[in-house]
Amino acid sequence: MMNQQKVQNPKIQIPTTTSMNDQDYITDMLTTEKYITVSYSVAEHEASHEAYYQTIHQANNEASQMQRTLYETMFRKGLYLSL
């Protein structure tokens, strides 16, 4: 039987207030990057010209990298709340 280890980020105390905190801001940034990459992906597939496609493709790659960086930062700091 294989040893199954659960991958889990550290738990930190998040204050509950009506104002936005660091977790709120970075979660908003990650959500925005997710939306941007989906939109770029649709535009990429529907690009009617190769140069246009390449421009969108490069922007999509940059947005995807930013999304990954934000996720890694959130996970490392215990701010990523998985469902």
PDB file of N, CA and C in Angstrom:
ATOM      1  N   MET A   1       0.845  -1.170   0.000  1.00  0.00           N
ATOM      2  CA  MET A   1       0.000   0.000   0.000  1.00  0.00           C
ATOM      3  C   MET A   1       0.898   1.242   0.000  1.00  0.00           C
ATOM      4  N   MET A   2       0.562   2.218  -0.809  1.00  0.00           N
ATOM      5  CA  MET A   2       1.368   3.431  -0.922  1.00  0.00           C
ATOM      6  C   MET A   2       1.084   4.379   0.242  1.00  0.00           C
ATOM      7  N   ASN A   3       2.131   5.053   0.692  1.00  0.00           N
ATOM      8  CA  ASN A   3       1.989   6.055   1.738  1.00  0.00           C
ATOM      9  C   ASN A   3       1.432   7.328   1.109  1.00  0.00           C
ATOM     10  N   GLN A   4       0.224   7.702   1.463  1.00  0.00           N
ATOM     11  CA  GLN A   4      -0.405   8.892   0.887  1.00  0.00           C
ATOM     12  C   GLN A   4      -0.271  10.047   1.855  1.00  0.00           C
ATOM     13  N   GLN A   5       0.447  11.073   1.405  1.00  0.00           N
ATOM     14  CA  GLN A   5       0.619  12.257   2.226  1.00  0.00           C
ATOM     15  C   GLN A   5      -0.237  13.375   1.660  1.00  0.00           C
ATOM     16  N   LYS A   6      -0.856  14.100   2.543  1.00  0.00           N
ATOM     17  CA  LYS A   6      -1.701  15.215   2.136  1.00  0.00           C
ATOM     18  C   LYS A   6      -0.837  16.462   1.986  1.00  0.00           C
ATOM     19  N   VAL A   7      -0.923  17.104   0.822  1.00  0.00           N
ATOM     20  CA  VAL A   7      -0.220  18.361   0.606  1.00  0.00           C
ATOM     21  C   VAL A   7      -1.105  19.474   1.142  1.00  0.00           C
ATOM     22  N   GLN A   8      -0.563  20.266   2.034  1.00  0.00           N
ATOM     23  CA  GLN A   8      -1.381  21.289   2.675  1.00  0.00           C
ATOM     24  C   GLN A   8      -0.537  22.520   2.945  1.00  0.00           C
ATOM     25  N   ASN A   9      -1.123  23.680   2.712  1.00  0.00           N
ATOM     26  CA  ASN A   9      -0.416  24.921   3.008  1.00  0.00           C
ATOM     27  C   ASN A   9      -0.572  25.257   4.490  1.00  0.00           C
ATOM     28  N   PRO A  10       0.345  26.069   5.013  1.00  0.00           N
ATOM     29  CA  PRO A  10       0.253  26.423   6.432  1.00  0.00           C
ATOM     30  C   PRO A  10      -0.978  27.273   6.718  1.00  0.00           C
ATOM     31  N   LYS A  11      -1.532  27.094   7.868  1.00  0.00           N
ATOM     32  CA  LYS A  11      -2.714  27.847   8.291  1.00  0.00           C
ATOM     33  C   LYS A  11      -2.261  29.098   9.034  1.00  0.00           C
ATOM     34  N   ILE A  12      -2.810  30.243   8.636  1.00  0.00           N
ATOM     35  CA  ILE A  12      -2.490  31.476   9.344  1.00  0.00           C
ATOM     36  C   ILE A  12      -3.780  32.131   9.807  1.00  0.00           C
ATOM     37  N   GLN A  13      -3.681  32.954  10.815  1.00  0.00           N
ATOM     38  CA  GLN A  13      -4.838  33.661  11.349  1.00  0.00           C
ATOM     39  C   GLN A  13      -5.139  34.874  10.471  1.00  0.00           C
ATOM     40  N   ILE A  14      -6.346  34.957   9.949  1.00  0.00           N
ATOM     41  CA  ILE A  14      -6.785  36.073   9.121  1.00  0.00           C
ATOM     42  C   ILE A  14      -7.813  36.874   9.917  1.00  0.00           C
ATOM     43  N   PRO A  15      -7.544  38.154  10.132  1.00  0.00           N
ATOM     44  CA  PRO A  15      -8.523  38.972  10.873  1.00  0.00           C
ATOM     45  C   PRO A  15      -9.812  39.140  10.071  1.00  0.00           C
ATOM     46  N   THR A  16     -10.927  39.121  10.745  1.00  0.00           N
ATOM     47  CA  THR A  16     -12.213  39.317  10.081  1.00  0.00           C
ATOM     48  C   THR A  16     -12.671  40.753  10.330  1.00  0.00           C
ATOM     49  N   THR A  17     -12.613  41.548   9.270  1.00  0.00           N
ATOM     50  CA  THR A  17     -13.036  42.943   9.331  1.00  0.00           C
ATOM     51  C   THR A  17     -13.824  43.262   8.069  1.00  0.00           C
ATOM     52  N   THR A  18     -14.385  44.451   8.017  1.00  0.00           N
ATOM     53  CA  THR A  18     -15.121  44.857   6.822  1.00  0.00           C
ATOM     54  C   THR A  18     -14.189  45.431   5.766  1.00  0.00           C
ATOM     55  N   SER A  19     -12.952  45.764   6.116  1.00  0.00           N
ATOM     56  CA  SER A  19     -12.001  46.279   5.132  1.00  0.00           C
ATOM     57  C   SER A  19     -11.212  45.118   4.530  1.00  0.00           C
ATOM     58  N   MET A  20     -10.672  45.348   3.347  1.00  0.00           N
ATOM     59  CA  MET A  20      -9.911  44.297   2.674  1.00  0.00           C
ATOM     60  C   MET A  20      -8.555  44.111   3.356  1.00  0.00           C
ATOM     61  N   ASN A  21      -8.134  42.846   3.451  1.00  0.00           N
ATOM     62  CA  ASN A  21      -6.824  42.533   4.002  1.00  0.00           C
ATOM     63  C   ASN A  21      -5.941  41.954   2.886  1.00  0.00           C
ATOM     64  N   ASP A  22      -4.728  41.542   3.228  1.00  0.00           N
ATOM     65  CA  ASP A  22      -3.810  41.018   2.223  1.00  0.00           C
ATOM     66  C   ASP A  22      -4.398  39.831   1.466  1.00  0.00           C
ATOM     67  N   GLN A  23      -5.077  38.943   2.175  1.00  0.00           N
ATOM     68  CA  GLN A  23      -5.673  37.780   1.522  1.00  0.00           C
ATOM     69  C   GLN A  23      -6.741  38.218   0.516  1.00  0.00           C
ATOM     70  N   ASP A  24      -7.553  39.185   0.870  1.00  0.00           N
ATOM     71  CA  ASP A  24      -8.584  39.680  -0.037  1.00  0.00           C
ATOM     72  C   ASP A  24      -7.961  40.249  -1.315  1.00  0.00           C
ATOM     73  N   TYR A  25      -6.918  41.065  -1.143  1.00  0.00           N
ATOM     74  CA  TYR A  25      -6.272  41.689  -2.300  1.00  0.00           C
ATOM     75  C   TYR A  25      -5.635  40.656  -3.223  1.00  0.00           C
ATOM     76  N   ILE A  26      -4.886  39.716  -2.665  1.00  0.00           N
ATOM     77  CA  ILE A  26      -4.205  38.745  -3.519  1.00  0.00           C
ATOM     78  C   ILE A  26      -5.199  37.759  -4.135  1.00  0.00           C
ATOM     79  N   THR A  27      -6.276  37.437  -3.410  1.00  0.00           N
ATOM     80  CA  THR A  27      -7.329  36.585  -3.984  1.00  0.00           C
ATOM     81  C   THR A  27      -7.997  37.289  -5.155  1.00  0.00           C
ATOM     82  N   ASP A  28      -8.247  38.582  -5.012  1.00  0.00           N
ATOM     83  CA  ASP A  28      -8.819  39.372  -6.092  1.00  0.00           C
ATOM     84  C   ASP A  28      -7.880  39.400  -7.299  1.00  0.00           C
ATOM     85  N   MET A  29      -6.593  39.544  -7.043  1.00  0.00           N
ATOM     86  CA  MET A  29      -5.612  39.550  -8.129  1.00  0.00           C
ATOM     87  C   MET A  29      -5.605  38.206  -8.855  1.00  0.00           C
ATOM     88  N   LEU A  30      -5.629  37.102  -8.101  1.00  0.00           N
ATOM     89  CA  LEU A  30      -5.621  35.776  -8.712  1.00  0.00           C
ATOM     90  C   LEU A  30      -6.891  35.554  -9.530  1.00  0.00           C
ATOM     91  N   THR A  31      -8.023  35.942  -8.997  1.00  0.00           N
ATOM     92  CA  THR A  31      -9.291  35.796  -9.721  1.00  0.00           C
ATOM     93  C   THR A  31      -9.272  36.593 -11.017  1.00  0.00           C
ATOM     94  N   THR A  32      -8.721  37.793 -10.965  1.00  0.00           N
ATOM     95  CA  THR A  32      -8.618  38.623 -12.164  1.00  0.00           C
ATOM     96  C   THR A  32      -7.716  37.963 -13.198  1.00  0.00           C
ATOM     97  N   GLU A  33      -6.568  37.437 -12.778  1.00  0.00           N
ATOM     98  CA  GLU A  33      -5.655  36.769 -13.709  1.00  0.00           C
ATOM     99  C   GLU A  33      -6.313  35.539 -14.326  1.00  0.00           C
ATOM    100  N   LYS A  34      -7.101  34.808 -13.551  1.00  0.00           N
ATOM    101  CA  LYS A  34      -7.818  33.655 -14.100  1.00  0.00           C
ATOM    102  C   LYS A  34      -8.784  34.107 -15.194  1.00  0.00           C
ATOM    103  N   TYR A  35      -9.513  35.171 -14.939  1.00  0.00           N
ATOM    104  CA  TYR A  35     -10.456  35.700 -15.919  1.00  0.00           C
ATOM    105  C   TYR A  35      -9.706  36.154 -17.182  1.00  0.00           C
ATOM    106  N   ILE A  36      -8.592  36.835 -16.994  1.00  0.00           N
ATOM    107  CA  ILE A  36      -7.810  37.332 -18.130  1.00  0.00           C
ATOM    108  C   ILE A  36      -7.304  36.175 -18.991  1.00  0.00           C
ATOM    109  N   THR A  37      -6.776  35.111 -18.357  1.00  0.00           N
ATOM    110  CA  THR A  37      -6.249  33.997 -19.149  1.00  0.00           C
ATOM    111  C   THR A  37      -7.346  33.284 -19.932  1.00  0.00           C
ATOM    112  N   VAL A  38      -8.521  33.163 -19.350  1.00  0.00           N
ATOM    113  CA  VAL A  38      -9.643  32.549 -20.083  1.00  0.00           C
ATOM    114  C   VAL A  38     -10.019  33.427 -21.284  1.00  0.00           C
ATOM    115  N   SER A  39     -10.077  34.721 -21.073  1.00  0.00           N
ATOM    116  CA  SER A  39     -10.427  35.644 -22.160  1.00  0.00           C
ATOM    117  C   SER A  39      -9.372  35.628 -23.264  1.00  0.00           C
ATOM    118  N   TYR A  40      -8.095  35.633 -22.875  1.00  0.00           N
ATOM    119  CA  TYR A  40      -7.014  35.555 -23.871  1.00  0.00           C
ATOM    120  C   TYR A  40      -7.085  34.244 -24.641  1.00  0.00           C
ATOM    121  N   SER A  41      -7.413  33.171 -23.955  1.00  0.00           N
ATOM    122  CA  SER A  41      -7.492  31.870 -24.619  1.00  0.00           C
ATOM    123  C   SER A  41      -8.560  31.869 -25.707  1.00  0.00           C
ATOM    124  N   VAL A  42      -9.710  32.433 -25.404  1.00  0.00           N
ATOM    125  CA  VAL A  42     -10.776  32.523 -26.405  1.00  0.00           C
ATOM    126  C   VAL A  42     -10.308  33.387 -27.576  1.00  0.00           C
ATOM    127  N   ALA A  43      -9.718  34.534 -27.276  1.00  0.00           N
ATOM    128  CA  ALA A  43      -9.238  35.435 -28.337  1.00  0.00           C
ATOM    129  C   ALA A  43      -8.159  34.758 -29.175  1.00  0.00           C
ATOM    130  N   GLU A  44      -7.294  33.987 -28.547  1.00  0.00           N
ATOM    131  CA  GLU A  44      -6.232  33.271 -29.258  1.00  0.00           C
ATOM    132  C   GLU A  44      -6.822  32.330 -30.305  1.00  0.00           C
ATOM    133  N   HIS A  45      -7.814  31.566 -29.884  1.00  0.00           N
ATOM    134  CA  HIS A  45      -8.421  30.585 -30.788  1.00  0.00           C
ATOM    135  C   HIS A  45      -9.210  31.232 -31.919  1.00  0.00           C
ATOM    136  N   GLU A  46      -9.633  32.460 -31.716  1.00  0.00           N
ATOM    137  CA  GLU A  46     -10.449  33.129 -32.716  1.00  0.00           C
ATOM    138  C   GLU A  46      -9.683  34.208 -33.491  1.00  0.00           C
ATOM    139  N   ALA A  47      -8.375  34.286 -33.281  1.00  0.00           N
ATOM    140  CA  ALA A  47      -7.569  35.300 -33.979  1.00  0.00           C
ATOM    141  C   ALA A  47      -7.577  35.033 -35.481  1.00  0.00           C
ATOM    142  N   SER A  48      -7.839  36.077 -36.245  1.00  0.00           N
ATOM    143  CA  SER A  48      -7.971  35.927 -37.695  1.00  0.00           C
ATOM    144  C   SER A  48      -6.666  36.165 -38.448  1.00  0.00           C
ATOM    145  N   HIS A  49      -5.627  36.577 -37.765  1.00  0.00           N
ATOM    146  CA  HIS A  49      -4.351  36.890 -38.412  1.00  0.00           C
ATOM    147  C   HIS A  49      -3.225  36.351 -37.540  1.00  0.00           C
ATOM    148  N   GLU A  50      -2.186  35.822 -38.169  1.00  0.00           N
ATOM    149  CA  GLU A  50      -1.086  35.191 -37.434  1.00  0.00           C
ATOM    150  C   GLU A  50      -0.388  36.162 -36.476  1.00  0.00           C
ATOM    151  N   ALA A  51      -0.135  37.391 -36.910  1.00  0.00           N
ATOM    152  CA  ALA A  51       0.541  38.367 -36.043  1.00  0.00           C
ATOM    153  C   ALA A  51      -0.334  38.695 -34.834  1.00  0.00           C
ATOM    154  N   TYR A  52      -1.620  38.803 -35.066  1.00  0.00           N
ATOM    155  CA  TYR A  52      -2.573  39.051 -33.981  1.00  0.00           C
ATOM    156  C   TYR A  52      -2.566  37.874 -33.002  1.00  0.00           C
ATOM    157  N   TYR A  53      -2.573  36.664 -33.566  1.00  0.00           N
ATOM    158  CA  TYR A  53      -2.517  35.458 -32.739  1.00  0.00           C
ATOM    159  C   TYR A  53      -1.259  35.453 -31.870  1.00  0.00           C
ATOM    160  N   GLN A  54      -0.103  35.744 -32.469  1.00  0.00           N
ATOM    161  CA  GLN A  54       1.157  35.720 -31.733  1.00  0.00           C
ATOM    162  C   GLN A  54       1.176  36.744 -30.597  1.00  0.00           C
ATOM    163  N   THR A  55       0.606  37.920 -30.844  1.00  0.00           N
ATOM    164  CA  THR A  55       0.543  38.964 -29.806  1.00  0.00           C
ATOM    165  C   THR A  55      -0.314  38.497 -28.633  1.00  0.00           C
ATOM    166  N   ILE A  56      -1.472  37.939 -28.941  1.00  0.00           N
ATOM    167  CA  ILE A  56      -2.370  37.452 -27.894  1.00  0.00           C
ATOM    168  C   ILE A  56      -1.753  36.252 -27.176  1.00  0.00           C
ATOM    169  N   HIS A  57      -1.105  35.391 -27.935  1.00  0.00           N
ATOM    170  CA  HIS A  57      -0.459  34.210 -27.355  1.00  0.00           C
ATOM    171  C   HIS A  57       0.609  34.617 -26.334  1.00  0.00           C
ATOM    172  N   GLN A  58       1.412  35.608 -26.681  1.00  0.00           N
ATOM    173  CA  GLN A  58       2.450  36.086 -25.759  1.00  0.00           C
ATOM    174  C   GLN A  58       1.816  36.700 -24.506  1.00  0.00           C
ATOM    175  N   ALA A  59       0.784  37.502 -24.687  1.00  0.00           N
ATOM    176  CA  ALA A  59       0.095  38.112 -23.545  1.00  0.00           C
ATOM    177  C   ALA A  59      -0.527  37.032 -22.659  1.00  0.00           C
ATOM    178  N   ASN A  60      -1.086  35.998 -23.268  1.00  0.00           N
ATOM    179  CA  ASN A  60      -1.686  34.900 -22.511  1.00  0.00           C
ATOM    180  C   ASN A  60      -0.627  34.159 -21.703  1.00  0.00           C
ATOM    181  N   ASN A  61       0.532  33.918 -22.304  1.00  0.00           N
ATOM    182  CA  ASN A  61       1.617  33.252 -21.579  1.00  0.00           C
ATOM    183  C   ASN A  61       2.059  34.071 -20.373  1.00  0.00           C
ATOM    184  N   GLU A  62       2.170  35.382 -20.545  1.00  0.00           N
ATOM    185  CA  GLU A  62       2.568  36.265 -19.446  1.00  0.00           C
ATOM    186  C   GLU A  62       1.514  36.263 -18.332  1.00  0.00           C
ATOM    187  N   ALA A  63       0.249  36.309 -18.718  1.00  0.00           N
ATOM    188  CA  ALA A  63      -0.835  36.290 -17.725  1.00  0.00           C
ATOM    189  C   ALA A  63      -0.864  34.945 -16.995  1.00  0.00           C
ATOM    190  N   SER A  64      -0.623  33.859 -17.719  1.00  0.00           N
ATOM    191  CA  SER A  64      -0.600  32.530 -17.099  1.00  0.00           C
ATOM    192  C   SER A  64       0.542  32.421 -16.098  1.00  0.00           C
ATOM    193  N   GLN A  65       1.693  32.984 -16.448  1.00  0.00           N
ATOM    194  CA  GLN A  65       2.823  32.960 -15.516  1.00  0.00           C
ATOM    195  C   GLN A  65       2.517  33.789 -14.272  1.00  0.00           C
ATOM    196  N   MET A  66       1.877  34.934 -14.454  1.00  0.00           N
ATOM    197  CA  MET A  66       1.507  35.758 -13.302  1.00  0.00           C
ATOM    198  C   MET A  66       0.504  35.017 -12.420  1.00  0.00           C
ATOM    199  N   GLN A  67      -0.442  34.331 -13.044  1.00  0.00           N
ATOM    200  CA  GLN A  67      -1.419  33.556 -12.288  1.00  0.00           C
ATOM    201  C   GLN A  67      -0.712  32.497 -11.449  1.00  0.00           C
ATOM    202  N   ARG A  68       0.247  31.805 -12.045  1.00  0.00           N
ATOM    203  CA  ARG A  68       0.995  30.763 -11.323  1.00  0.00           C
ATOM    204  C   ARG A  68       1.800  31.361 -10.171  1.00  0.00           C
ATOM    205  N   THR A  69       2.440  32.504 -10.408  1.00  0.00           N
ATOM    206  CA  THR A  69       3.225  33.176  -9.375  1.00  0.00           C
ATOM    207  C   THR A  69       2.339  33.590  -8.204  1.00  0.00           C
ATOM    208  N   LEU A  70       1.167  34.141  -8.500  1.00  0.00           N
ATOM    209  CA  LEU A  70       0.241  34.529  -7.447  1.00  0.00           C
ATOM    210  C   LEU A  70      -0.211  33.315  -6.635  1.00  0.00           C
ATOM    211  N   TYR A  71      -0.551  32.232  -7.333  1.00  0.00           N
ATOM    212  CA  TYR A  71      -0.965  31.014  -6.632  1.00  0.00           C
ATOM    213  C   TYR A  71       0.149  30.510  -5.713  1.00  0.00           C
ATOM    214  N   GLU A  72       1.378  30.425  -6.244  1.00  0.00           N
ATOM    215  CA  GLU A  72       2.492  29.927  -5.441  1.00  0.00           C
ATOM    216  C   GLU A  72       2.728  30.813  -4.214  1.00  0.00           C
ATOM    217  N   THR A  73       2.624  32.118  -4.399  1.00  0.00           N
ATOM    218  CA  THR A  73       2.789  33.048  -3.280  1.00  0.00           C
ATOM    219  C   THR A  73       1.705  32.830  -2.233  1.00  0.00           C
ATOM    220  N   MET A  74       0.474  32.708  -2.695  1.00  0.00           N
ATOM    221  CA  MET A  74      -0.640  32.491  -1.766  1.00  0.00           C
ATOM    222  C   MET A  74      -0.467  31.177  -1.008  1.00  0.00           C
ATOM    223  N   PHE A  75      -0.102  30.123  -1.714  1.00  0.00           N
ATOM    224  CA  PHE A  75       0.051  28.815  -1.078  1.00  0.00           C
ATOM    225  C   PHE A  75       1.171  28.859  -0.043  1.00  0.00           C
ATOM    226  N   ARG A  76       2.301  29.442  -0.416  1.00  0.00           N
ATOM    227  CA  ARG A  76       3.460  29.525   0.477  1.00  0.00           C
ATOM    228  C   ARG A  76       3.140  30.306   1.757  1.00  0.00           C
ATOM    229  N   LYS A  77       2.288  31.338   1.642  1.00  0.00           N
ATOM    230  CA  LYS A  77       1.962  32.171   2.793  1.00  0.00           C
ATOM    231  C   LYS A  77       0.696  31.718   3.528  1.00  0.00           C
ATOM    232  N   GLY A  78       0.115  30.597   3.058  1.00  0.00           N
ATOM    233  CA  GLY A  78      -1.078  30.077   3.716  1.00  0.00           C
ATOM    234  C   GLY A  78      -2.340  30.868   3.397  1.00  0.00           C
ATOM    235  N   LEU A  79      -2.338  31.559   2.270  1.00  0.00           N
ATOM    236  CA  LEU A  79      -3.484  32.394   1.903  1.00  0.00           C
ATOM    237  C   LEU A  79      -4.392  31.752   0.871  1.00  0.00           C
ATOM    238  N   TYR A  80      -3.977  30.613   0.318  1.00  0.00           N
ATOM    239  CA  TYR A  80      -4.796  29.946  -0.702  1.00  0.00           C
ATOM    240  C   TYR A  80      -5.743  28.992  -0.014  1.00  0.00           C
ATOM    241  N   LEU A  81      -7.020  29.277  -0.132  1.00  0.00           N
ATOM    242  CA  LEU A  81      -8.040  28.423   0.478  1.00  0.00           C
ATOM    243  C   LEU A  81      -8.621  27.509  -0.589  1.00  0.00           C
ATOM    244  N   SER A  82      -8.177  26.267  -0.610  1.00  0.00           N
ATOM    245  CA  SER A  82      -8.682  25.326  -1.605  1.00  0.00           C
ATOM    246  C   SER A  82     -10.086  24.882  -1.241  1.00  0.00           C
ATOM    247  N   LEU A  83     -10.842  24.556  -2.266  1.00  0.00           N
ATOM    248  CA  LEU A  83     -12.235  24.129  -2.053  1.00  0.00           C
ATOM    249  C   LEU A  83     -12.312  22.672  -1.706  1.00  0.00           C
TER     250      LEU A  83
END
